[in-house]
Amino acid sequence: MNILNNLGTTEIVIIAFILLVLFGQKKLMEWAKGLGESGREIKKVKKEFESTLNDDLDIEGVKVVEKNEMKEEKGGEGK
């Protein structure tokens, strides 16, 4: 059971207010900045991994199908 699915807007606002009171605006801004940087780094590593994997598969002669190509193929069949 995922607890985050049960949180509504009111609960999130209350939690944010409590965090603001406990830690202060400056500390929360530092945490938000760190989370944003972490998210960007994760996306960067994911793209690099996919690129390396695709390059390796291309070398071995395996056809790599992109997500967009798969959606286009499925889109024609479902209609």
PDB file of N, CA and C in Angstrom:
ATOM      1  N   MET A   1       0.844  -1.173   0.000  1.00  0.00           N
ATOM      2  CA  MET A   1       0.000   0.000   0.000  1.00  0.00           C
ATOM      3  C   MET A   1       0.893   1.241   0.000  1.00  0.00           C
ATOM      4  N   ASN A   2       0.682   2.072  -0.949  1.00  0.00           N
ATOM      5  CA  ASN A   2       1.484   3.280  -1.081  1.00  0.00           C
ATOM      6  C   ASN A   2       0.797   4.427  -0.342  1.00  0.00           C
ATOM      7  N   ILE A   3       1.454   4.939   0.667  1.00  0.00           N
ATOM      8  CA  ILE A   3       0.862   5.986   1.512  1.00  0.00           C
ATOM      9  C   ILE A   3       0.687   7.301   0.746  1.00  0.00           C
ATOM     10  N   LEU A   4       1.525   7.540  -0.255  1.00  0.00           N
ATOM     11  CA  LEU A   4       1.435   8.796  -0.999  1.00  0.00           C
ATOM     12  C   LEU A   4       0.162   8.887  -1.840  1.00  0.00           C
ATOM     13  N   ASN A   5      -0.424   7.756  -2.192  1.00  0.00           N
ATOM     14  CA  ASN A   5      -1.672   7.787  -2.962  1.00  0.00           C
ATOM     15  C   ASN A   5      -2.832   8.308  -2.134  1.00  0.00           C
ATOM     16  N   ASN A   6      -2.730   8.200  -0.803  1.00  0.00           N
ATOM     17  CA  ASN A   6      -3.817   8.601   0.078  1.00  0.00           C
ATOM     18  C   ASN A   6      -3.731  10.057   0.512  1.00  0.00           C
ATOM     19  N   LEU A   7      -2.659  10.773   0.128  1.00  0.00           N
ATOM     20  CA  LEU A   7      -2.507  12.169   0.531  1.00  0.00           C
ATOM     21  C   LEU A   7      -3.259  13.088  -0.418  1.00  0.00           C
ATOM     22  N   GLY A   8      -4.073  13.940   0.141  1.00  0.00           N
ATOM     23  CA  GLY A   8      -4.780  14.937  -0.650  1.00  0.00           C
ATOM     24  C   GLY A   8      -4.061  16.270  -0.596  1.00  0.00           C
ATOM     25  N   THR A   9      -4.614  17.253  -1.263  1.00  0.00           N
ATOM     26  CA  THR A   9      -4.017  18.581  -1.313  1.00  0.00           C
ATOM     27  C   THR A   9      -3.922  19.195   0.080  1.00  0.00           C
ATOM     28  N   THR A  10      -4.963  19.042   0.877  1.00  0.00           N
ATOM     29  CA  THR A  10      -4.969  19.624   2.224  1.00  0.00           C
ATOM     30  C   THR A  10      -3.847  19.041   3.074  1.00  0.00           C
ATOM     31  N   GLU A  11      -3.672  17.727   3.026  1.00  0.00           N
ATOM     32  CA  GLU A  11      -2.628  17.090   3.816  1.00  0.00           C
ATOM     33  C   GLU A  11      -1.244  17.553   3.382  1.00  0.00           C
ATOM     34  N   ILE A  12      -1.030  17.688   2.080  1.00  0.00           N
ATOM     35  CA  ILE A  12       0.267  18.134   1.561  1.00  0.00           C
ATOM     36  C   ILE A  12       0.559  19.560   2.012  1.00  0.00           C
ATOM     37  N   VAL A  13      -0.447  20.434   1.989  1.00  0.00           N
ATOM     38  CA  VAL A  13      -0.270  21.817   2.426  1.00  0.00           C
ATOM     39  C   VAL A  13       0.065  21.859   3.916  1.00  0.00           C
ATOM     40  N   ILE A  14      -0.614  21.056   4.711  1.00  0.00           N
ATOM     41  CA  ILE A  14      -0.343  21.020   6.153  1.00  0.00           C
ATOM     42  C   ILE A  14       1.074  20.531   6.420  1.00  0.00           C
ATOM     43  N   ILE A  15       1.500  19.482   5.737  1.00  0.00           N
ATOM     44  CA  ILE A  15       2.855  18.957   5.901  1.00  0.00           C
ATOM     45  C   ILE A  15       3.884  20.005   5.487  1.00  0.00           C
ATOM     46  N   ALA A  16       3.640  20.681   4.376  1.00  0.00           N
ATOM     47  CA  ALA A  16       4.564  21.727   3.912  1.00  0.00           C
ATOM     48  C   ALA A  16       4.652  22.856   4.934  1.00  0.00           C
ATOM     49  N   PHE A  17       3.529  23.245   5.516  1.00  0.00           N
ATOM     50  CA  PHE A  17       3.525  24.309   6.524  1.00  0.00           C
ATOM     51  C   PHE A  17       4.309  23.889   7.765  1.00  0.00           C
ATOM     52  N   ILE A  18       4.118  22.662   8.209  1.00  0.00           N
ATOM     53  CA  ILE A  18       4.844  22.165   9.385  1.00  0.00           C
ATOM     54  C   ILE A  18       6.345  22.138   9.104  1.00  0.00           C
ATOM     55  N   LEU A  19       6.737  21.670   7.917  1.00  0.00           N
ATOM     56  CA  LEU A  19       8.155  21.668   7.550  1.00  0.00           C
ATOM     57  C   LEU A  19       8.717  23.082   7.505  1.00  0.00           C
ATOM     58  N   LEU A  20       7.940  24.009   6.987  1.00  0.00           N
ATOM     59  CA  LEU A  20       8.372  25.403   6.926  1.00  0.00           C
ATOM     60  C   LEU A  20       8.614  25.966   8.325  1.00  0.00           C
ATOM     61  N   VAL A  21       7.708  25.656   9.239  1.00  0.00           N
ATOM     62  CA  VAL A  21       7.850  26.146  10.612  1.00  0.00           C
ATOM     63  C   VAL A  21       9.060  25.499  11.294  1.00  0.00           C
ATOM     64  N   LEU A  22       9.238  24.204  11.083  1.00  0.00           N
ATOM     65  CA  LEU A  22      10.319  23.486  11.758  1.00  0.00           C
ATOM     66  C   LEU A  22      11.708  23.847  11.220  1.00  0.00           C
ATOM     67  N   PHE A  23      11.833  23.925   9.899  1.00  0.00           N
ATOM     68  CA  PHE A  23      13.158  24.073   9.305  1.00  0.00           C
ATOM     69  C   PHE A  23      13.440  25.445   8.723  1.00  0.00           C
ATOM     70  N   GLY A  24      12.442  26.201   8.419  1.00  0.00           N
ATOM     71  CA  GLY A  24      12.640  27.522   7.851  1.00  0.00           C
ATOM     72  C   GLY A  24      12.711  27.485   6.337  1.00  0.00           C
ATOM     73  N   GLN A  25      12.453  28.638   5.743  1.00  0.00           N
ATOM     74  CA  GLN A  25      12.374  28.739   4.294  1.00  0.00           C
ATOM     75  C   GLN A  25      13.722  28.457   3.624  1.00  0.00           C
ATOM     76  N   LYS A  26      14.797  28.947   4.209  1.00  0.00           N
ATOM     77  CA  LYS A  26      16.110  28.792   3.593  1.00  0.00           C
ATOM     78  C   LYS A  26      16.491  27.316   3.460  1.00  0.00           C
ATOM     79  N   LYS A  27      16.273  26.557   4.515  1.00  0.00           N
ATOM     80  CA  LYS A  27      16.627  25.136   4.500  1.00  0.00           C
ATOM     81  C   LYS A  27      15.761  24.374   3.496  1.00  0.00           C
ATOM     82  N   LEU A  28      14.474  24.701   3.449  1.00  0.00           N
ATOM     83  CA  LEU A  28      13.587  24.028   2.503  1.00  0.00           C
ATOM     84  C   LEU A  28      13.973  24.334   1.060  1.00  0.00           C
ATOM     85  N   MET A  29      14.395  25.575   0.805  1.00  0.00           N
ATOM     86  CA  MET A  29      14.821  25.937  -0.554  1.00  0.00           C
ATOM     87  C   MET A  29      16.076  25.163  -0.945  1.00  0.00           C
ATOM     88  N   GLU A  30      16.984  24.964   0.013  1.00  0.00           N
ATOM     89  CA  GLU A  30      18.185  24.172  -0.260  1.00  0.00           C
ATOM     90  C   GLU A  30      17.813  22.727  -0.595  1.00  0.00           C
ATOM     91  N   TRP A  31      16.861  22.166   0.144  1.00  0.00           N
ATOM     92  CA  TRP A  31      16.425  20.792  -0.120  1.00  0.00           C
ATOM     93  C   TRP A  31      15.765  20.680  -1.487  1.00  0.00           C
ATOM     94  N   ALA A  32      14.920  21.650  -1.837  1.00  0.00           N
ATOM     95  CA  ALA A  32      14.243  21.629  -3.132  1.00  0.00           C
ATOM     96  C   ALA A  32      15.260  21.729  -4.267  1.00  0.00           C
ATOM     97  N   LYS A  33      16.253  22.583  -4.087  1.00  0.00           N
ATOM     98  CA  LYS A  33      17.300  22.719  -5.106  1.00  0.00           C
ATOM     99  C   LYS A  33      18.055  21.399  -5.261  1.00  0.00           C
ATOM    100  N   GLY A  34      18.378  20.766  -4.152  1.00  0.00           N
ATOM    101  CA  GLY A  34      19.071  19.478  -4.190  1.00  0.00           C
ATOM    102  C   GLY A  34      18.248  18.407  -4.874  1.00  0.00           C
ATOM    103  N   LEU A  35      16.939  18.386  -4.611  1.00  0.00           N
ATOM    104  CA  LEU A  35      16.067  17.418  -5.269  1.00  0.00           C
ATOM    105  C   LEU A  35      16.011  17.654  -6.775  1.00  0.00           C
ATOM    106  N   GLY A  36      15.942  18.914  -7.182  1.00  0.00           N
ATOM    107  CA  GLY A  36      15.927  19.239  -8.609  1.00  0.00           C
ATOM    108  C   GLY A  36      17.208  18.816  -9.299  1.00  0.00           C
ATOM    109  N   GLU A  37      18.339  19.087  -8.649  1.00  0.00           N
ATOM    110  CA  GLU A  37      19.620  18.688  -9.228  1.00  0.00           C
ATOM    111  C   GLU A  37      19.732  17.166  -9.314  1.00  0.00           C
ATOM    112  N   SER A  38      19.234  16.474  -8.303  1.00  0.00           N
ATOM    113  CA  SER A  38      19.268  15.010  -8.312  1.00  0.00           C
ATOM    114  C   SER A  38      18.422  14.461  -9.457  1.00  0.00           C
ATOM    115  N   GLY A  39      17.250  15.036  -9.648  1.00  0.00           N
ATOM    116  CA  GLY A  39      16.380  14.599 -10.735  1.00  0.00           C
ATOM    117  C   GLY A  39      17.016  14.797 -12.094  1.00  0.00           C
ATOM    118  N   ARG A  40      17.668  15.948 -12.286  1.00  0.00           N
ATOM    119  CA  ARG A  40      18.356  16.200 -13.558  1.00  0.00           C
ATOM    120  C   ARG A  40      19.504  15.218 -13.764  1.00  0.00           C
ATOM    121  N   GLU A  41      20.238  14.919 -12.709  1.00  0.00           N
ATOM    122  CA  GLU A  41      21.358  13.984 -12.811  1.00  0.00           C
ATOM    123  C   GLU A  41      20.863  12.578 -13.156  1.00  0.00           C
ATOM    124  N   ILE A  42      19.761  12.173 -12.557  1.00  0.00           N
ATOM    125  CA  ILE A  42      19.193  10.859 -12.848  1.00  0.00           C
ATOM    126  C   ILE A  42      18.768  10.780 -14.306  1.00  0.00           C
ATOM    127  N   LYS A  43      18.112  11.823 -14.822  1.00  0.00           N
ATOM    128  CA  LYS A  43      17.712  11.837 -16.230  1.00  0.00           C
ATOM    129  C   LYS A  43      18.928  11.779 -17.146  1.00  0.00           C
ATOM    130  N   LYS A  44      19.991  12.505 -16.786  1.00  0.00           N
ATOM    131  CA  LYS A  44      21.212  12.521 -17.584  1.00  0.00           C
ATOM    132  C   LYS A  44      21.843  11.128 -17.638  1.00  0.00           C
ATOM    133  N   VAL A  45      21.936  10.479 -16.487  1.00  0.00           N
ATOM    134  CA  VAL A  45      22.522   9.138 -16.431  1.00  0.00           C
ATOM    135  C   VAL A  45      21.664   8.155 -17.220  1.00  0.00           C
ATOM    136  N   LYS A  46      20.336   8.292 -17.131  1.00  0.00           N
ATOM    137  CA  LYS A  46      19.427   7.407 -17.871  1.00  0.00           C
ATOM    138  C   LYS A  46      19.641   7.556 -19.374  1.00  0.00           C
ATOM    139  N   LYS A  47      19.741   8.807 -19.854  1.00  0.00           N
ATOM    140  CA  LYS A  47      19.956   9.034 -21.287  1.00  0.00           C
ATOM    141  C   LYS A  47      21.296   8.472 -21.739  1.00  0.00           C
ATOM    142  N   GLU A  48      22.343   8.669 -20.913  1.00  0.00           N
ATOM    143  CA  GLU A  48      23.658   8.133 -21.255  1.00  0.00           C
ATOM    144  C   GLU A  48      23.625   6.609 -21.318  1.00  0.00           C
ATOM    145  N   PHE A  49      22.942   5.987 -20.362  1.00  0.00           N
ATOM    146  CA  PHE A  49      22.831   4.530 -20.344  1.00  0.00           C
ATOM    147  C   PHE A  49      22.099   4.023 -21.577  1.00  0.00           C
ATOM    148  N   GLU A  50      20.963   4.659 -21.903  1.00  0.00           N
ATOM    149  CA  GLU A  50      20.201   4.246 -23.077  1.00  0.00           C
ATOM    150  C   GLU A  50      21.015   4.431 -24.351  1.00  0.00           C
ATOM    151  N   SER A  51      21.742   5.527 -24.435  1.00  0.00           N
ATOM    152  CA  SER A  51      22.573   5.785 -25.603  1.00  0.00           C
ATOM    153  C   SER A  51      23.655   4.724 -25.749  1.00  0.00           C
ATOM    154  N   THR A  52      24.319   4.411 -24.650  1.00  0.00           N
ATOM    155  CA  THR A  52      25.366   3.389 -24.680  1.00  0.00           C
ATOM    156  C   THR A  52      24.783   2.033 -25.040  1.00  0.00           C
ATOM    157  N   LEU A  53      23.645   1.707 -24.456  1.00  0.00           N
ATOM    158  CA  LEU A  53      22.998   0.431 -24.747  1.00  0.00           C
ATOM    159  C   LEU A  53      22.605   0.356 -26.217  1.00  0.00           C
ATOM    160  N   ASN A  54      22.007   1.429 -26.747  1.00  0.00           N
ATOM    161  CA  ASN A  54      21.612   1.448 -28.158  1.00  0.00           C
ATOM    162  C   ASN A  54      22.827   1.333 -29.071  1.00  0.00           C
ATOM    163  N   ASP A  55      23.917   2.024 -28.729  1.00  0.00           N
ATOM    164  CA  ASP A  55      25.140   1.935 -29.531  1.00  0.00           C
ATOM    165  C   ASP A  55      25.682   0.512 -29.529  1.00  0.00           C
ATOM    166  N   ASP A  56      25.691  -0.128 -28.367  1.00  0.00           N
ATOM    167  CA  ASP A  56      26.182  -1.503 -28.277  1.00  0.00           C
ATOM    168  C   ASP A  56      25.304  -2.458 -29.063  1.00  0.00           C
ATOM    169  N   LEU A  57      23.992  -2.276 -28.996  1.00  0.00           N
ATOM    170  CA  LEU A  57      23.093  -3.147 -29.741  1.00  0.00           C
ATOM    171  C   LEU A  57      23.222  -2.911 -31.240  1.00  0.00           C
ATOM    172  N   ASP A  58      23.447  -1.660 -31.657  1.00  0.00           N
ATOM    173  CA  ASP A  58      23.636  -1.360 -33.075  1.00  0.00           C
ATOM    174  C   ASP A  58      24.886  -2.045 -33.608  1.00  0.00           C
ATOM    175  N   ILE A  59      25.935  -2.087 -32.804  1.00  0.00           N
ATOM    176  CA  ILE A  59      27.177  -2.734 -33.205  1.00  0.00           C
ATOM    177  C   ILE A  59      26.952  -4.226 -33.414  1.00  0.00           C
ATOM    178  N   GLU A  60      26.117  -4.838 -32.581  1.00  0.00           N
ATOM    179  CA  GLU A  60      25.863  -6.266 -32.671  1.00  0.00           C
ATOM    180  C   GLU A  60      24.830  -6.595 -33.741  1.00  0.00           C
ATOM    181  N   GLY A  61      24.271  -5.614 -34.405  1.00  0.00           N
ATOM    182  CA  GLY A  61      23.327  -5.845 -35.488  1.00  0.00           C
ATOM    183  C   GLY A  61      21.889  -6.018 -35.039  1.00  0.00           C
ATOM    184  N   VAL A  62      21.575  -5.660 -33.825  1.00  0.00           N
ATOM    185  CA  VAL A  62      20.215  -5.771 -33.307  1.00  0.00           C
ATOM    186  C   VAL A  62      19.498  -4.462 -33.594  1.00  0.00           C
ATOM    187  N   LYS A  63      18.275  -4.560 -34.171  1.00  0.00           N
ATOM    188  CA  LYS A  63      17.516  -3.356 -34.458  1.00  0.00           C
ATOM    189  C   LYS A  63      16.904  -2.836 -33.165  1.00  0.00           C
ATOM    190  N   VAL A  64      17.151  -1.571 -32.888  1.00  0.00           N
ATOM    191  CA  VAL A  64      16.626  -0.933 -31.691  1.00  0.00           C
ATOM    192  C   VAL A  64      15.380  -0.151 -32.086  1.00  0.00           C
ATOM    193  N   VAL A  65      14.280  -0.403 -31.373  1.00  0.00           N
ATOM    194  CA  VAL A  65      13.023   0.289 -31.649  1.00  0.00           C
ATOM    195  C   VAL A  65      12.824   1.334 -30.563  1.00  0.00           C
ATOM    196  N   GLU A  66      12.642   2.573 -30.974  1.00  0.00           N
ATOM    197  CA  GLU A  66      12.411   3.665 -30.039  1.00  0.00           C
ATOM    198  C   GLU A  66      10.973   3.608 -29.531  1.00  0.00           C
ATOM    199  N   LYS A  67      10.723   4.232 -28.395  1.00  0.00           N
ATOM    200  CA  LYS A  67       9.381   4.272 -27.824  1.00  0.00           C
ATOM    201  C   LYS A  67       8.394   4.922 -28.785  1.00  0.00           C
ATOM    202  N   ASN A  68       8.803   5.998 -29.451  1.00  0.00           N
ATOM    203  CA  ASN A  68       7.904   6.697 -30.378  1.00  0.00           C
ATOM    204  C   ASN A  68       7.513   5.797 -31.538  1.00  0.00           C
ATOM    205  N   GLU A  69       8.455   5.005 -32.035  1.00  0.00           N
ATOM    206  CA  GLU A  69       8.144   4.099 -33.129  1.00  0.00           C
ATOM    207  C   GLU A  69       7.138   3.052 -32.683  1.00  0.00           C
ATOM    208  N   MET A  70       7.280   2.570 -31.456  1.00  0.00           N
ATOM    209  CA  MET A  70       6.353   1.571 -30.930  1.00  0.00           C
ATOM    210  C   MET A  70       4.960   2.148 -30.794  1.00  0.00           C
ATOM    211  N   LYS A  71       4.845   3.410 -30.334  1.00  0.00           N
ATOM    212  CA  LYS A  71       3.545   4.055 -30.181  1.00  0.00           C
ATOM    213  C   LYS A  71       2.876   4.227 -31.536  1.00  0.00           C
ATOM    214  N   GLU A  72       3.662   4.605 -32.558  1.00  0.00           N
ATOM    215  CA  GLU A  72       3.108   4.795 -33.899  1.00  0.00           C
ATOM    216  C   GLU A  72       2.572   3.492 -34.451  1.00  0.00           C
ATOM    217  N   GLU A  73       3.330   2.398 -34.229  1.00  0.00           N
ATOM    218  CA  GLU A  73       2.888   1.094 -34.720  1.00  0.00           C
ATOM    219  C   GLU A  73       1.614   0.664 -34.011  1.00  0.00           C
ATOM    220  N   LYS A  74       1.548   0.841 -32.705  1.00  0.00           N
ATOM    221  CA  LYS A  74       0.376   0.436 -31.945  1.00  0.00           C
ATOM    222  C   LYS A  74      -0.815   1.318 -32.256  1.00  0.00           C
ATOM    223  N   GLY A  75      -0.587   2.589 -32.526  1.00  0.00           N
ATOM    224  CA  GLY A  75      -1.667   3.536 -32.808  1.00  0.00           C
ATOM    225  C   GLY A  75      -2.462   3.138 -34.039  1.00  0.00           C
ATOM    226  N   GLY A  76      -1.796   2.620 -35.043  1.00  0.00           N
ATOM    227  CA  GLY A  76      -2.464   2.201 -36.265  1.00  0.00           C
ATOM    228  C   GLY A  76      -3.293   0.954 -36.082  1.00  0.00           C
ATOM    229  N   GLU A  77      -2.849   0.066 -35.189  1.00  0.00           N
ATOM    230  CA  GLU A  77      -3.562  -1.185 -34.995  1.00  0.00           C
ATOM    231  C   GLU A  77      -4.821  -1.016 -34.155  1.00  0.00           C
ATOM    232  N   GLY A  78      -4.778  -0.084 -33.191  1.00  0.00           N
ATOM    233  CA  GLY A  78      -5.887   0.061 -32.260  1.00  0.00           C
ATOM    234  C   GLY A  78      -7.085   0.779 -32.837  1.00  0.00           C
ATOM    235  N   LYS A  79      -6.935   1.440 -33.954  1.00  0.00           N
ATOM    236  CA  LYS A  79      -8.053   2.240 -34.493  1.00  0.00           C
ATOM    237  C   LYS A  79      -8.920   1.461 -35.413  1.00  0.00           C
TER     238      LYS A  79
END
